[in-house]
Protein backbone atom coordinates (compact mmCIF):
# COMPACT_ATOMS: atom_id res chain seq x y z
CA UNK A 1 9.17 -1.19 20.64
CA UNK A 2 8.68 -4.52 22.38
CA UNK A 3 7.09 -7.38 20.49
CA UNK A 4 4.26 -9.04 22.38
CA UNK A 5 4.78 -12.71 23.28
CA UNK A 6 3.68 -14.95 20.42
CA UNK A 7 3.83 -18.62 21.48
CA UNK A 8 3.99 -20.15 18.03
CA UNK A 9 6.75 -21.31 15.66
CA UNK A 10 7.78 -18.24 13.67
CA UNK A 11 9.93 -17.90 10.62
CA UNK A 12 12.73 -15.34 10.69
CA UNK A 13 13.38 -15.16 6.98
CA UNK A 14 16.39 -12.88 7.34
CA UNK A 15 18.18 -15.59 9.29
CA UNK A 16 16.91 -18.63 7.36
CA UNK A 17 15.85 -20.50 10.51
CA UNK A 18 12.82 -21.38 12.58
CA UNK A 19 12.57 -19.86 16.03
CA UNK A 20 10.29 -21.12 18.78
CA UNK A 21 8.82 -18.13 20.60
CA UNK A 22 8.62 -18.52 24.39
CA UNK A 23 6.56 -16.66 26.97
CA UNK A 24 9.06 -13.86 27.59
CA UNK A 25 8.70 -10.43 25.95
CA UNK A 26 11.03 -10.31 22.98
CA UNK A 27 13.02 -7.43 21.60
CA UNK A 28 13.56 -7.26 17.84
CA UNK A 29 17.14 -7.38 16.67
CA UNK A 30 16.87 -3.81 15.37
CA UNK A 31 15.11 -1.16 17.45
CA UNK A 32 13.19 1.00 15.03
CA UNK A 33 11.25 4.22 15.61
CA UNK A 34 7.69 4.59 14.46
CA UNK A 35 7.09 6.54 11.25
CA UNK A 36 7.89 10.23 11.63
CA UNK A 37 4.61 11.73 12.68
CA UNK A 38 3.96 15.24 11.35
CA UNK A 39 2.04 16.53 14.35
CA UNK A 40 1.22 20.23 14.85
CA UNK A 41 1.61 22.22 18.06
CA UNK A 42 4.25 20.01 19.69
CA UNK A 43 6.53 22.24 21.79
CA UNK A 44 9.82 20.48 21.05
CA UNK A 45 11.26 17.19 19.80
CA UNK A 46 10.23 14.54 22.30
CA UNK A 47 11.49 11.08 23.11
CA UNK A 48 8.53 8.97 24.15
CA UNK A 49 8.93 5.28 25.01
CA UNK A 50 12.07 5.15 22.90
CA UNK A 51 10.30 6.57 19.82
CA UNK A 52 11.52 9.82 18.31
CA UNK A 53 8.64 12.06 17.29
CA UNK A 54 9.33 14.92 14.90
CA UNK A 55 7.96 18.09 16.47
CA UNK A 56 6.90 21.01 14.26
CA UNK A 57 5.10 24.25 14.94
CA UNK A 58 3.04 23.67 11.82
CA UNK A 59 2.64 20.58 9.63
CA UNK A 60 2.61 22.89 6.61
CA UNK A 61 6.32 23.54 7.13
CA UNK A 62 7.02 19.86 6.54
CA UNK A 63 4.55 19.49 3.71
CA UNK A 64 6.00 22.46 1.86
CA UNK A 65 9.56 21.15 1.75
CA UNK A 66 11.33 19.87 -1.36
CA UNK A 67 11.12 16.07 -1.71
CA UNK A 68 12.80 13.54 -3.96
CA UNK A 69 9.49 11.67 -4.20
CA UNK A 70 5.95 12.02 -2.91
CA UNK A 71 4.02 8.76 -2.52
CA UNK A 72 0.20 8.80 -2.45
CA UNK A 73 -1.57 5.95 -0.67
CA UNK A 74 -0.28 3.46 1.91
CA UNK A 75 -1.25 0.26 0.14
CA UNK A 76 1.22 -2.62 0.05
CA UNK A 77 2.78 -1.61 -3.27
CA UNK A 78 3.16 2.02 -2.31
CA UNK A 79 4.71 1.19 1.08
CA UNK A 80 7.17 -1.19 -0.56
CA UNK A 81 8.22 1.50 -3.03
CA UNK A 82 8.47 4.12 -0.28
CA UNK A 83 10.74 1.83 1.73
CA UNK A 84 12.91 0.92 -1.26
CA UNK A 85 13.32 4.56 -2.30
CA UNK A 86 14.18 5.59 1.29
CA UNK A 87 16.80 2.84 1.57
CA UNK A 88 18.25 4.12 -1.72
CA UNK A 89 18.77 7.53 -0.04
CA UNK A 90 15.73 9.37 -1.40
CA UNK A 91 13.88 11.93 0.70
CA UNK A 92 10.29 10.65 0.67
CA UNK A 93 6.99 12.19 1.78
CA UNK A 94 4.24 9.57 2.07
CA UNK A 95 0.61 10.75 2.19
CA UNK A 96 -2.75 9.02 2.52
CA UNK A 97 -6.26 10.47 2.32
CA UNK A 98 -7.34 7.82 4.84
CA UNK A 99 -6.62 7.95 8.57
CA UNK A 100 -5.21 4.40 8.59
CA UNK A 101 -2.49 2.40 6.84
CA UNK A 102 -3.14 -0.06 4.04
CA UNK A 103 -5.58 1.65 1.68
CA UNK A 104 -7.52 -0.95 -0.30
CA UNK A 105 -5.24 -3.66 1.13
CA UNK A 106 -5.88 -2.84 4.78
CA UNK A 107 -6.57 -5.44 7.47
CA UNK A 108 -9.93 -5.12 9.23
CA UNK A 109 -10.99 -6.28 12.66
CA UNK A 110 -14.27 -8.17 12.89
CA UNK A 111 -16.33 -5.07 13.74
CA UNK A 112 -14.91 -3.14 10.77
CA UNK A 113 -15.61 -6.15 8.52
CA UNK A 114 -19.26 -6.33 9.57
CA UNK A 115 -19.61 -2.56 9.18
CA UNK A 116 -18.03 -2.56 5.72
CA UNK A 117 -20.38 -5.24 4.41
CA UNK A 118 -23.40 -3.99 6.38
CA UNK A 119 -23.93 -7.33 8.04
CA UNK A 120 -26.84 -6.06 10.12
CA UNK A 121 -26.46 -7.56 13.61
CA UNK A 122 -23.06 -6.97 15.25
CA UNK A 123 -20.64 -9.91 15.48
CA UNK A 124 -21.30 -12.33 18.31
CA UNK A 125 -18.50 -13.73 20.44
CA UNK A 126 -20.63 -16.77 21.20
CA UNK A 127 -20.66 -17.60 17.50
CA UNK A 128 -17.28 -16.29 16.31
CA UNK A 129 -15.02 -16.78 19.32
CA UNK A 130 -12.83 -13.99 20.70
CA UNK A 131 -13.65 -11.04 18.47
CA UNK A 132 -10.32 -9.34 19.09
CA UNK A 133 -8.53 -12.30 17.47
CA UNK A 134 -9.93 -11.64 13.98
CA UNK A 135 -7.71 -9.81 11.46
CA UNK A 136 -9.16 -10.03 7.96
CA UNK A 137 -7.00 -8.82 5.06
CA UNK A 138 -8.92 -7.16 2.26
CA UNK A 139 -6.32 -8.28 -0.30
CA UNK A 140 -4.87 -11.49 1.16
CA UNK A 141 -1.85 -12.82 -0.70
CA UNK A 142 0.61 -15.55 0.21
CA UNK A 143 4.31 -14.87 -0.23
CA UNK A 144 6.46 -17.22 -2.29
CA UNK A 145 9.29 -18.29 0.04
CA UNK A 146 11.94 -18.03 -2.67
CA UNK A 147 10.33 -15.10 -4.50
CA UNK A 148 11.27 -11.49 -5.02
CA UNK A 149 9.33 -10.13 -2.04
CA UNK A 150 11.33 -12.24 0.42
CA UNK A 151 14.51 -10.89 -1.16
CA UNK A 152 13.17 -7.34 -0.72
CA UNK A 153 12.38 -8.09 2.94
CA UNK A 154 15.92 -9.37 3.51
CA UNK A 155 17.61 -6.55 1.53
CA UNK A 156 15.72 -3.84 3.42
CA UNK A 157 16.05 -5.70 6.77
CA UNK A 158 12.28 -5.42 7.20
CA UNK A 159 12.35 -9.15 7.88
CA UNK A 160 14.01 -8.38 11.24
CA UNK A 161 10.83 -6.98 12.73
CA UNK A 162 8.19 -9.16 11.12
CA UNK A 163 7.31 -12.76 11.87
CA UNK A 164 6.18 -15.32 9.32
CA UNK A 165 4.83 -18.83 9.34
CA UNK A 166 4.82 -21.36 6.52
CA UNK A 167 1.51 -22.12 4.81
CA UNK A 168 0.63 -25.78 5.26
CA UNK A 169 -0.78 -26.82 1.89
CA UNK A 170 -0.92 -26.12 -1.84
CA UNK A 171 -3.88 -27.72 -3.61
CA UNK A 172 -5.39 -28.04 -7.07
CA UNK A 173 -9.08 -28.39 -7.95
CA UNK A 174 -10.34 -31.07 -10.32
CA UNK A 175 -13.90 -30.95 -11.66
CA UNK A 176 -16.09 -34.11 -11.75
CA UNK A 177 -15.82 -36.06 -15.01
CA UNK A 178 -19.46 -35.36 -15.80
CA UNK A 179 -20.29 -31.82 -14.65
CA UNK A 180 -24.02 -32.32 -15.21
CA UNK A 181 -24.12 -35.44 -13.01
CA UNK A 182 -24.58 -33.48 -9.77
CA UNK A 183 -21.21 -34.70 -8.45
CA UNK A 184 -18.85 -32.30 -6.72
CA UNK A 185 -15.29 -31.52 -7.70
CA UNK A 186 -12.33 -32.59 -5.56
CA UNK A 187 -9.33 -30.81 -4.12
CA UNK A 188 -5.95 -32.57 -4.48
CA UNK A 189 -2.61 -31.84 -2.87
CA UNK A 190 -0.06 -30.78 -5.48
CA UNK A 191 2.37 -33.72 -6.01
CA UNK A 192 5.89 -32.48 -6.66
CA UNK A 193 8.24 -34.88 -4.89
CA UNK A 194 8.62 -38.47 -6.19
CA UNK A 195 6.96 -39.71 -2.97
CA UNK A 196 3.98 -37.39 -3.42
CA UNK A 197 3.66 -38.33 -7.10
CA UNK A 198 3.50 -42.04 -6.24
CA UNK A 199 0.67 -41.51 -3.75
CA UNK A 200 -1.31 -38.92 -5.70
CA UNK A 201 -4.74 -39.81 -7.10
CA UNK A 202 -4.29 -37.04 -9.70
CA UNK A 203 -1.84 -39.15 -11.73
CA UNK A 204 -2.15 -42.46 -13.54
CA UNK A 205 0.43 -45.17 -12.85
CA UNK A 206 2.40 -44.41 -16.03
CA UNK A 207 2.14 -40.66 -15.42
CA UNK A 208 3.62 -40.99 -11.95
CA UNK A 209 6.90 -42.18 -13.43
CA UNK A 210 6.95 -39.46 -16.07
CA UNK A 211 6.10 -36.83 -13.47
CA UNK A 212 8.91 -37.97 -11.19
CA UNK A 213 11.49 -37.73 -14.00
CA UNK A 214 10.13 -34.36 -15.10
CA UNK A 215 10.31 -32.69 -11.68
CA UNK A 216 13.80 -34.08 -11.06
CA UNK A 217 14.95 -32.63 -14.40
CA UNK A 218 13.37 -29.22 -13.72
CA UNK A 219 15.06 -29.07 -10.31
CA UNK A 220 18.45 -30.09 -11.68
CA UNK A 221 19.06 -27.71 -14.60
CA UNK A 222 20.53 -24.22 -14.38
CA UNK A 223 18.41 -21.90 -16.51
CA UNK A 224 21.21 -19.36 -16.62
CA UNK A 225 23.82 -21.82 -17.90
CA UNK A 226 23.01 -23.79 -21.06
CA UNK A 227 24.93 -26.98 -21.63
CA UNK A 228 26.00 -26.03 -25.13
CA UNK A 229 25.25 -24.15 -28.38
CA UNK A 230 24.02 -25.40 -31.73
CA UNK A 231 26.65 -25.01 -34.43
CA UNK A 232 24.84 -25.61 -37.69
CA UNK A 233 22.02 -24.18 -39.79
CA UNK A 234 19.49 -21.69 -38.46
CA UNK A 235 20.19 -22.74 -34.88
CA UNK A 236 23.82 -21.55 -35.00
CA UNK A 237 24.91 -20.10 -31.64
CA UNK A 238 21.56 -20.98 -30.08
CA UNK A 239 21.84 -22.35 -26.51
CA UNK A 240 20.41 -25.72 -25.57
CA UNK A 241 19.87 -27.85 -22.48
CA UNK A 242 19.65 -31.62 -22.53
CA UNK A 243 17.67 -34.44 -21.01
CA UNK A 244 17.95 -38.21 -21.21
CA UNK A 245 15.64 -39.60 -23.91
CA UNK A 246 14.95 -43.06 -25.28
CA UNK A 247 18.04 -42.98 -27.48
CA UNK A 248 20.46 -40.97 -25.37
CA UNK A 249 20.72 -37.31 -24.46
CA UNK A 250 18.32 -35.02 -26.30
CA UNK A 251 18.99 -31.35 -27.00
CA UNK A 252 16.26 -28.93 -25.86
CA UNK A 253 16.41 -25.35 -27.23
CA UNK A 254 14.41 -23.74 -24.41
CA UNK A 255 14.97 -20.21 -25.73
CA UNK A 256 13.51 -21.24 -29.10
CA UNK A 257 10.58 -23.35 -27.93
CA UNK A 258 7.33 -22.07 -26.46
CA UNK A 259 5.49 -23.76 -23.59
CA UNK A 260 3.36 -25.87 -25.91
CA UNK A 261 6.40 -27.29 -27.71
CA UNK A 262 8.20 -27.93 -24.44
CA UNK A 263 5.41 -30.03 -22.88
CA UNK A 264 4.75 -31.85 -26.15
CA UNK A 265 8.36 -33.01 -26.09
CA UNK A 266 7.87 -34.44 -22.60
CA UNK A 267 4.64 -36.22 -23.49
CA UNK A 268 2.88 -35.41 -20.22
CA UNK A 269 -0.89 -35.79 -19.88
CA UNK A 270 -3.11 -32.72 -20.24
CA UNK A 271 -4.18 -32.82 -16.58
CA UNK A 272 -0.57 -32.90 -15.42
CA UNK A 273 0.37 -29.99 -17.67
CA UNK A 274 -2.60 -28.07 -16.33
CA UNK A 275 -1.59 -28.15 -12.69
CA UNK A 276 2.10 -27.64 -13.53
CA UNK A 277 1.34 -24.44 -15.45
CA UNK A 278 -1.50 -23.01 -13.35
CA UNK A 279 -0.63 -24.17 -9.81
CA UNK A 280 3.17 -24.40 -9.97
CA UNK A 281 4.17 -21.89 -12.67
CA UNK A 282 1.23 -19.65 -11.56
CA UNK A 283 -0.06 -18.73 -15.00
CA UNK A 284 -3.54 -17.22 -14.61
CA UNK A 285 -4.77 -18.40 -18.01
CA UNK A 286 -3.51 -20.26 -21.09
CA UNK A 287 -0.77 -17.71 -21.87
CA UNK A 288 1.85 -20.33 -20.93
CA UNK A 289 1.30 -21.91 -24.35
CA UNK A 290 3.00 -19.05 -26.17
CA UNK A 291 5.40 -18.08 -23.37
CA UNK A 292 9.10 -18.96 -23.85
CA UNK A 293 9.84 -22.46 -22.56
CA UNK A 294 12.74 -21.10 -20.50
CA UNK A 295 10.31 -18.79 -18.66
CA UNK A 296 7.95 -21.70 -17.94
CA UNK A 297 10.81 -23.78 -16.52
CA UNK A 298 12.10 -20.84 -14.42
CA UNK A 299 8.67 -20.32 -12.88
CA UNK A 300 8.37 -24.00 -11.98
CA UNK A 301 11.85 -23.90 -10.47
CA UNK A 302 10.79 -21.01 -8.24
CA UNK A 303 7.91 -23.12 -6.92
CA UNK A 304 10.18 -26.11 -6.28
CA UNK A 305 12.92 -24.04 -4.65
CA UNK A 306 10.39 -22.24 -2.44
CA UNK A 307 9.20 -25.61 -1.14
CA UNK A 308 12.67 -26.20 0.31
CA UNK A 309 13.53 -22.60 1.25
CA UNK A 310 13.08 -23.35 4.95
CA UNK A 311 13.15 -26.62 6.85
CA UNK A 312 9.88 -28.49 7.20
CA UNK A 313 7.89 -26.58 4.58
CA UNK A 314 4.96 -28.41 3.00
CA UNK A 315 4.05 -25.63 0.54
CA UNK A 316 6.08 -22.90 -1.17
CA UNK A 317 4.25 -20.09 0.66
CA UNK A 318 4.70 -17.91 3.75
CA UNK A 319 2.27 -15.57 5.48
CA UNK A 320 2.90 -12.95 8.20
CA UNK A 321 1.56 -13.52 11.68
CA UNK A 322 -1.40 -11.20 12.26
CA UNK A 323 -1.96 -10.80 8.52
CA UNK A 324 -0.64 -8.65 5.71
CA UNK A 325 -1.59 -5.47 7.55
CA UNK A 326 1.81 -5.86 9.22
CA UNK A 327 3.57 -5.43 5.88
CA UNK A 328 2.67 -1.81 5.00
CA UNK A 329 3.41 -0.74 8.56
CA UNK A 330 6.77 -2.51 8.52
CA UNK A 331 7.81 -0.71 5.34
CA UNK A 332 6.45 2.56 6.74
CA UNK A 333 8.73 2.01 9.75
CA UNK A 334 11.60 1.23 7.38
CA UNK A 335 11.09 4.47 5.44
CA UNK A 336 10.96 6.42 8.70
CA UNK A 337 14.29 4.95 9.81
CA UNK A 338 15.81 6.24 6.57
CA UNK A 339 14.31 9.72 6.86
CA UNK A 340 10.89 9.27 5.29
CA UNK A 341 7.94 11.32 6.56
CA UNK A 342 4.38 9.96 6.80
CA UNK A 343 1.14 11.93 6.97
CA UNK A 344 -2.16 10.15 7.43
CA UNK A 345 -5.39 12.13 7.16
CA UNK A 346 -5.78 12.77 10.87
CA UNK A 347 -4.79 15.73 13.02
CA UNK A 348 -4.06 15.45 16.75
CA UNK A 349 -7.68 16.27 17.54
CA UNK A 350 -8.88 13.58 15.10
CA UNK A 351 -9.99 16.03 12.42
CA UNK A 352 -8.95 15.41 8.78
CA UNK A 353 -5.97 17.22 7.31
CA UNK A 354 -6.85 16.68 3.66
CA UNK A 355 -10.16 17.57 2.02
CA UNK A 356 -11.90 15.64 -0.79
CA UNK A 357 -10.24 17.77 -3.52
CA UNK A 358 -6.77 17.85 -2.00
CA UNK A 359 -3.62 16.05 -3.11
CA UNK A 360 -3.92 17.22 -6.69
CA UNK A 361 -0.89 17.49 -8.97
CA UNK A 362 0.90 20.60 -10.17
CA UNK A 363 2.92 20.50 -13.39
CA UNK A 364 5.90 22.44 -14.74
CA UNK A 365 5.88 24.09 -18.17
CA UNK A 366 7.59 21.08 -19.74
CA UNK A 367 4.73 18.80 -18.62
CA UNK A 368 6.59 17.04 -15.82
CA UNK A 369 5.12 16.96 -12.32
CA UNK A 370 6.27 19.75 -10.02
CA UNK A 371 4.41 19.08 -6.79
CA UNK A 372 1.42 17.80 -4.86
CA UNK A 373 -1.08 20.45 -3.75
CA UNK A 374 -3.06 20.48 -0.51
CA UNK A 375 -5.76 23.17 -0.39
CA UNK A 376 -5.93 24.14 3.28
CA UNK A 377 -8.95 26.42 3.22
CA UNK A 378 -8.09 29.29 0.91
CA UNK A 379 -4.36 28.68 1.14
CA UNK A 380 -2.70 26.09 -1.09
CA UNK A 381 0.33 24.31 0.29
CA UNK A 382 2.56 22.55 -2.25
CA UNK A 383 4.93 19.66 -1.56
CA UNK A 384 7.59 20.29 -4.19
CA UNK A 385 8.84 17.20 -5.99
CA UNK A 386 9.82 15.91 -9.42
CA UNK A 387 8.50 12.39 -8.82
CA UNK A 388 5.04 11.26 -7.69
CA UNK A 389 4.09 7.64 -7.01
CA UNK A 390 0.68 6.31 -6.08
CA UNK A 391 -2.23 3.93 -6.55
CA UNK A 392 -4.87 4.44 -9.28
CA UNK A 393 -7.44 6.01 -6.93
CA UNK A 394 -5.39 9.24 -6.77
CA UNK A 395 -5.12 9.81 -10.52
CA UNK A 396 -8.47 10.27 -12.24
CA UNK A 397 -7.97 10.56 -16.00
CA UNK A 398 -4.53 8.95 -15.97
CA UNK A 399 -5.69 5.32 -15.73
CA UNK A 400 -7.72 2.86 -17.81
CA UNK A 401 -10.09 0.12 -16.62
CA UNK A 402 -8.79 -3.44 -16.96
CA UNK A 403 -11.82 -5.34 -15.69
CA UNK A 404 -13.05 -6.19 -12.22
CA UNK A 405 -12.48 -8.72 -9.45
CA UNK A 406 -15.20 -10.52 -7.51
CA UNK A 407 -14.61 -12.24 -4.20
CA UNK A 408 -16.41 -14.04 -1.42
CA UNK A 409 -15.20 -13.87 2.18
CA UNK A 410 -16.22 -16.80 4.39
CA UNK A 411 -15.85 -17.09 8.15
CA UNK A 412 -15.72 -20.80 9.04
CA UNK A 413 -15.58 -23.02 12.10
CA UNK A 414 -13.93 -25.95 10.29
CA UNK A 415 -11.34 -26.39 7.51
CA UNK A 416 -11.86 -28.15 4.19
CA UNK A 417 -12.04 -31.93 4.55
CA UNK A 418 -8.86 -32.32 2.48
CA UNK A 419 -7.00 -29.95 4.82
CA UNK A 420 -8.23 -31.80 7.88
CA UNK A 421 -6.96 -35.06 6.39
CA UNK A 422 -3.49 -33.55 5.90
CA UNK A 423 -3.49 -31.76 9.26
CA UNK A 424 -3.28 -28.38 7.50
CA UNK A 425 -4.40 -25.13 9.12
CA UNK A 426 -3.77 -22.93 6.06
CA UNK A 427 -3.71 -23.49 2.32
CA UNK A 428 -4.04 -22.12 -1.17
CA UNK A 429 -6.31 -23.85 -3.68
CA UNK A 430 -6.06 -22.93 -7.36
CA UNK A 431 -8.94 -23.79 -9.67
CA UNK A 432 -7.57 -23.99 -13.24
CA UNK A 433 -9.92 -22.15 -15.58
CA UNK A 434 -10.67 -25.19 -17.76
CA UNK A 435 -11.84 -27.13 -14.69
CA UNK A 436 -14.48 -24.46 -14.07
CA UNK A 437 -15.51 -23.77 -17.67
CA UNK A 438 -13.86 -20.34 -17.54
CA UNK A 439 -11.03 -18.34 -19.10
CA UNK A 440 -9.45 -17.20 -15.81
CA UNK A 441 -8.47 -19.23 -12.76
CA UNK A 442 -10.19 -19.11 -9.36
CA UNK A 443 -8.17 -18.73 -6.15
CA UNK A 444 -8.99 -19.85 -2.62
CA UNK A 445 -7.01 -18.44 0.31
CA UNK A 446 -7.62 -20.00 3.73
CA UNK A 447 -5.95 -19.15 7.05
CA UNK A 448 -6.60 -19.68 10.75
CA UNK A 449 -5.38 -19.05 14.28
CA UNK A 450 -2.02 -20.59 13.33
CA UNK A 451 -1.28 -17.28 11.57
CA UNK A 452 -3.06 -15.20 14.25
CA UNK A 453 -5.84 -14.01 11.93
CA UNK A 454 -8.74 -15.84 13.60
CA UNK A 455 -9.68 -17.25 17.01
CA UNK A 456 -8.84 -20.85 17.91
CA UNK A 457 -11.02 -23.23 15.89
CA UNK A 458 -12.08 -20.56 13.37
CA UNK A 459 -10.96 -19.96 9.77
CA UNK A 460 -11.16 -17.15 7.21
CA UNK A 461 -11.40 -18.00 3.51
CA UNK A 462 -11.28 -15.80 0.41
CA UNK A 463 -12.49 -16.90 -3.02
CA UNK A 464 -11.61 -14.58 -5.89
CA UNK A 465 -11.44 -14.40 -9.67
CA UNK A 466 -11.59 -11.98 -12.55
CA UNK A 467 -15.14 -11.19 -13.67
CA UNK A 468 -15.83 -12.54 -17.16
CA UNK A 469 -19.54 -11.87 -17.83
CA UNK A 470 -21.72 -8.74 -17.88
CA UNK A 471 -22.59 -7.28 -14.48
CA UNK A 472 -25.07 -4.48 -15.19
CA UNK A 473 -28.01 -4.64 -12.80
CA UNK A 474 -26.47 -7.48 -10.77
CA UNK A 475 -25.64 -7.44 -7.06
CA UNK A 476 -22.22 -8.51 -5.79
CA UNK A 477 -23.79 -11.72 -4.49
CA UNK A 478 -25.28 -12.55 -7.89
CA UNK A 479 -21.95 -11.89 -9.61
CA UNK A 480 -20.13 -14.06 -7.07
CA UNK A 481 -22.50 -17.01 -7.44
CA UNK A 482 -22.04 -16.93 -11.22
CA UNK A 483 -18.26 -16.42 -11.31
CA UNK A 484 -17.23 -18.35 -8.18
CA UNK A 485 -19.65 -21.28 -8.48
CA UNK A 486 -16.97 -24.00 -8.45
CA UNK A 487 -15.32 -22.57 -5.33
CA UNK A 488 -18.54 -21.87 -3.44
CA UNK A 489 -19.56 -25.50 -4.07
CA UNK A 490 -16.75 -26.58 -1.72
CA UNK A 491 -18.81 -25.09 1.12
CA UNK A 492 -22.15 -26.64 0.06
CA UNK A 493 -21.10 -30.22 -0.78
CA UNK A 494 -22.01 -32.95 1.73
CA UNK A 495 -19.87 -32.76 4.87
CA UNK A 496 -18.46 -29.34 3.94
CA UNK A 497 -17.94 -26.62 6.56
CA UNK A 498 -20.93 -24.28 6.25
CA UNK A 499 -19.82 -20.63 6.51
CA UNK A 500 -20.81 -18.84 9.71
CA UNK A 501 -20.93 -15.68 7.63
CA UNK A 502 -20.43 -15.09 3.91
CA UNK A 503 -19.74 -11.66 2.44
CA UNK A 504 -19.53 -10.69 -1.23
CA UNK A 505 -17.52 -7.93 -2.85
CA UNK A 506 -16.55 -6.72 -6.32
CA UNK A 507 -14.20 -3.92 -7.33
CA UNK A 508 -12.91 -2.48 -10.63
CA UNK A 509 -9.25 -2.75 -11.55
CA UNK A 510 -7.13 -0.14 -13.29
CA UNK A 511 -3.76 0.26 -14.96
CA UNK A 512 -1.85 3.45 -15.86
CA UNK A 513 -2.28 4.88 -19.35
CA UNK A 514 1.48 5.48 -19.64
CA UNK A 515 4.60 4.18 -17.91
CA UNK A 516 5.19 7.54 -16.19
CA UNK A 517 8.68 8.24 -17.50
CA UNK A 518 7.54 11.33 -19.44
CA UNK A 519 5.63 13.25 -16.75
CA UNK A 520 7.28 11.47 -13.77
CA UNK A 521 3.94 10.29 -12.37
CA UNK A 522 4.20 6.57 -11.65
CA UNK A 523 0.96 4.69 -10.99
CA UNK A 524 0.68 1.13 -9.74
CA UNK A 525 -1.77 -1.41 -11.12
CA UNK A 526 -4.77 -2.49 -9.06
CA UNK A 527 -4.44 -5.76 -7.19
CA UNK A 528 -5.55 -8.74 -9.27
CA UNK A 529 -7.54 -11.78 -8.16
CA UNK A 530 -4.52 -14.00 -7.38
CA UNK A 531 -3.95 -15.20 -3.82
CA UNK A 532 -0.16 -14.92 -4.09
CA UNK A 533 2.22 -11.95 -4.29
CA UNK A 534 4.16 -12.73 -7.48
CA UNK A 535 2.28 -10.40 -9.86
CA UNK A 536 2.21 -7.59 -7.28
CA UNK A 537 5.95 -7.67 -6.51
CA UNK A 538 6.77 -7.74 -10.23
CA UNK A 539 4.75 -4.51 -10.64
CA UNK A 540 6.66 -2.94 -7.71
CA UNK A 541 10.08 -3.84 -9.11
CA UNK A 542 9.13 -2.66 -12.60
CA UNK A 543 7.99 0.68 -11.16
CA UNK A 544 11.22 1.02 -9.17
CA UNK A 545 13.24 0.54 -12.35
CA UNK A 546 11.20 3.21 -14.16
CA UNK A 547 11.42 5.64 -11.24
CA UNK A 548 15.16 5.34 -10.59
CA UNK A 549 16.47 4.03 -13.91
CA UNK A 550 18.16 1.24 -11.96
CA UNK A 551 17.38 -2.46 -11.73
CA UNK A 552 17.59 -3.99 -8.26
CA UNK A 553 19.86 -7.03 -8.18
CA UNK A 554 17.90 -8.60 -5.36
CA UNK A 555 19.91 -11.82 -5.29
CA UNK A 556 23.13 -9.96 -4.59
CA UNK A 557 21.51 -7.45 -2.20
CA UNK A 558 19.71 -10.14 -0.20
CA UNK A 559 22.90 -12.22 0.01
CA UNK A 560 24.83 -9.21 1.29
CA UNK A 561 22.16 -8.42 3.90
CA UNK A 562 22.11 -12.05 5.07
CA UNK A 563 25.93 -12.05 5.33
CA UNK A 564 25.79 -8.97 7.60
CA UNK A 565 23.54 -10.86 9.99
């Protein structure tokens, strides 16, 4: 397939360089066929436009084969797992009860968005710009440039046929000193370099010096190589790291300390600790206090390293051009290259293949899964397998509720004032819970035409958080105004960009009752409220380990893939 011209700086993460796209059609470095389409009544295998289509007299023949794994749902997590299992040599059948890719994490065009939220009047091009330029992700998440997902993209070579652009800004919200005064909170750029610390209004003069020393120390140590081991008393054989103190080098037992003890030793101010733990280390609540100090430092290092992963980055995040809807399709293509078969719920004539009660599980006498059943009229067709993977919506009775997420989706014709000042066209803003009088953080995701998700001069913003109060009898809008008040205030303060349209949504979240190793049914967790991918990719890698019994050494695999290129 030929990539359409995209005249914008794009990041090829597999090659660790920026490439300026020109006006010529571009071929990807690896030509890849579309996912194997199980299409009935095709007379013979056909080669169409360079894409190999699998021809079968009857789709049931494919469905009824023996498979190493059957994956249910084409959400981001499921497509990642399908791709990883296919690359590992597994024969994978990937099914979806929908007739489109993405599941709950699909990307919608502007007409689908208005239809989903019953906006009433259809979208107007006079108000919203070119309607075809909108691509709104239902679960938008930025990708940490040095994180595990980038390593997966490089290892699987999926990065060769996707394009990314750096996110311009990473910000932190600070509430007004007197919340009852009617003042509005402010958004501050996260200061991590010595130069940024010196110019930041978030830090006092004394704190700027301490912050500079702290970030330099975090960036300099090797968490995997302690500088020595204690030799006496209860600390015998315990590793330590050191830092320069008032009276020389001071030993720091990071494996023994928790986060609270670690920051107390540094003597940083509470506000500084807050943005370091919530915005840099990406803790969603106060759990950093009891977390091992070494874990806290490692998470801050990831943030710092991601900031310098590619030249010219001003935040640690990346985002695909045209939105995250590209990601499930890229991994679907990857699985197809390695022999995977995909079946969406659409026949050649547009009619559904699966009914509402289809895709149920069949079990062997020992309680392990034996197949996935499709009831085609009176005849049941079984895809034989000993491993089933899927999202919670396919497994009633095998999951437990873990809460709910509320979000507001805003279509804007101007960025936040702080973004405009910095010349940013995309950003993440994290609202630490304490700044909002809550237990869980708020997240603001904002993107624009720079990432090809909106027309020129337009922006799409997502506000999200975990619901904390009762919701019975409340509309989604009422829940959002209670839970997202601090974030919504950014759009109502003087001089703020008033949303052209504002939609509200809430959805329950689930987690599996068991880890799946006993019955071989592996269920992913629902997407949380965060606007970054770190929690989601950790769930994917944990599931892969449980499914295969192997742990992916992504550092080594990504390095090997990069060396090949």
